[in-house]
Amino acid sequence: MTPAKQAGLWLIQFLSFLVIFSAFYLFLPELYLFKRFSERFGFITEQAWNDLFMLSVLAASVIINTLLIFTVASMRERHL
């Protein structure tokens, strides 16, 4: 694979991560989740919540993106 194709592939994979991350961050009901978490585990500071929420969104985005890349790569390999 040429360097240009590798760079293009990396860019596509990064853009897919960015779309997944943005969707999670925009559409997850953060206030609802904060209220539920607080009810279940007690008081949590805003900074601690922001850290936990961001880590969760990032981790979920990485996992979903990895599964998406794996699925697309498997499908491409089958068709070759």
Protein backbone atom coordinates (compact mmCIF):
# COMPACT_ATOMS: atom_id res chain seq x y z
CA MET A 1 0.00 0.00 0.00
CA THR A 2 1.41 3.39 -0.95
CA PRO A 3 2.00 6.09 1.66
CA ALA A 4 -0.79 8.19 0.12
CA LYS A 5 -3.27 5.31 0.50
CA GLN A 6 -2.14 4.70 4.09
CA ALA A 7 -2.58 8.38 4.94
CA GLY A 8 -5.99 8.43 3.26
CA LEU A 9 -7.06 5.33 5.13
CA TRP A 10 -5.89 6.82 8.42
CA LEU A 11 -7.81 10.03 7.67
CA ILE A 12 -11.01 8.09 6.94
CA GLN A 13 -10.61 6.12 10.17
CA PHE A 14 -10.01 9.32 12.14
CA LEU A 15 -13.05 10.99 10.59
CA SER A 16 -15.20 7.98 11.48
CA PHE A 17 -13.98 8.27 15.08
CA LEU A 18 -14.74 11.99 15.08
CA VAL A 19 -18.28 11.41 13.82
CA ILE A 20 -18.93 8.67 16.39
CA PHE A 21 -17.46 10.76 19.23
CA SER A 22 -19.47 13.82 18.22
CA ALA A 23 -22.67 11.82 18.01
CA PHE A 24 -22.14 10.34 21.48
CA TYR A 25 -21.25 13.71 22.95
CA LEU A 26 -24.21 15.49 21.34
CA PHE A 27 -26.94 12.91 21.81
CA LEU A 28 -26.22 11.33 25.20
CA PRO A 29 -28.48 12.86 27.85
CA GLU A 30 -25.71 14.13 30.13
CA LEU A 31 -27.99 15.76 32.72
CA TYR A 32 -30.16 12.65 33.01
CA LEU A 33 -27.10 10.44 33.39
CA PHE A 34 -25.64 12.81 36.00
CA LYS A 35 -28.86 12.70 38.01
CA ARG A 36 -29.05 8.90 37.85
CA PHE A 37 -25.38 8.53 38.80
CA SER A 38 -25.78 10.95 41.71
CA GLU A 39 -28.86 9.12 42.98
CA ARG A 40 -27.10 5.78 42.84
CA PHE A 41 -23.63 6.66 44.12
CA GLY A 42 -24.15 9.91 46.01
CA PHE A 43 -22.55 13.32 45.62
CA ILE A 44 -20.07 13.85 42.82
CA THR A 45 -18.33 17.10 41.96
CA GLU A 46 -18.85 18.67 38.58
CA GLN A 47 -15.19 18.23 37.66
CA ALA A 48 -15.25 14.55 38.61
CA TRP A 49 -18.44 14.08 36.59
CA ASN A 50 -16.95 15.84 33.56
CA ASP A 51 -13.87 13.62 33.75
CA LEU A 52 -15.97 10.47 34.09
CA PHE A 53 -18.39 11.46 31.32
CA MET A 54 -15.61 12.42 28.89
CA LEU A 55 -13.69 9.21 29.61
CA SER A 56 -16.86 7.17 29.03
CA VAL A 57 -17.64 8.95 25.76
CA LEU A 58 -14.05 8.53 24.54
CA ALA A 59 -13.91 4.84 25.52
CA ALA A 60 -17.26 4.07 23.88
CA SER A 61 -16.20 5.93 20.74
CA VAL A 62 -12.92 4.03 20.51
CA ILE A 63 -14.65 0.67 20.99
CA ILE A 64 -17.37 1.39 18.40
CA ASN A 65 -14.83 2.78 15.93
CA THR A 66 -12.62 -0.29 16.40
CA LEU A 67 -15.57 -2.58 15.73
CA LEU A 68 -16.53 -0.53 12.68
CA ILE A 69 -12.99 -0.66 11.26
CA PHE A 70 -12.74 -4.39 11.97
CA THR A 71 -16.10 -5.05 10.27
CA VAL A 72 -15.26 -3.01 7.18
CA ALA A 73 -11.80 -4.61 6.92
CA SER A 74 -13.31 -8.09 7.25
CA MET A 75 -15.87 -7.35 4.56
CA ARG A 76 -13.20 -5.95 2.23
CA GLU A 77 -10.97 -8.99 2.77
CA ARG A 78 -13.84 -11.36 1.97
CA HIS A 79 -14.55 -9.60 -1.31
CA LEU A 80 -10.93 -9.69 -2.51
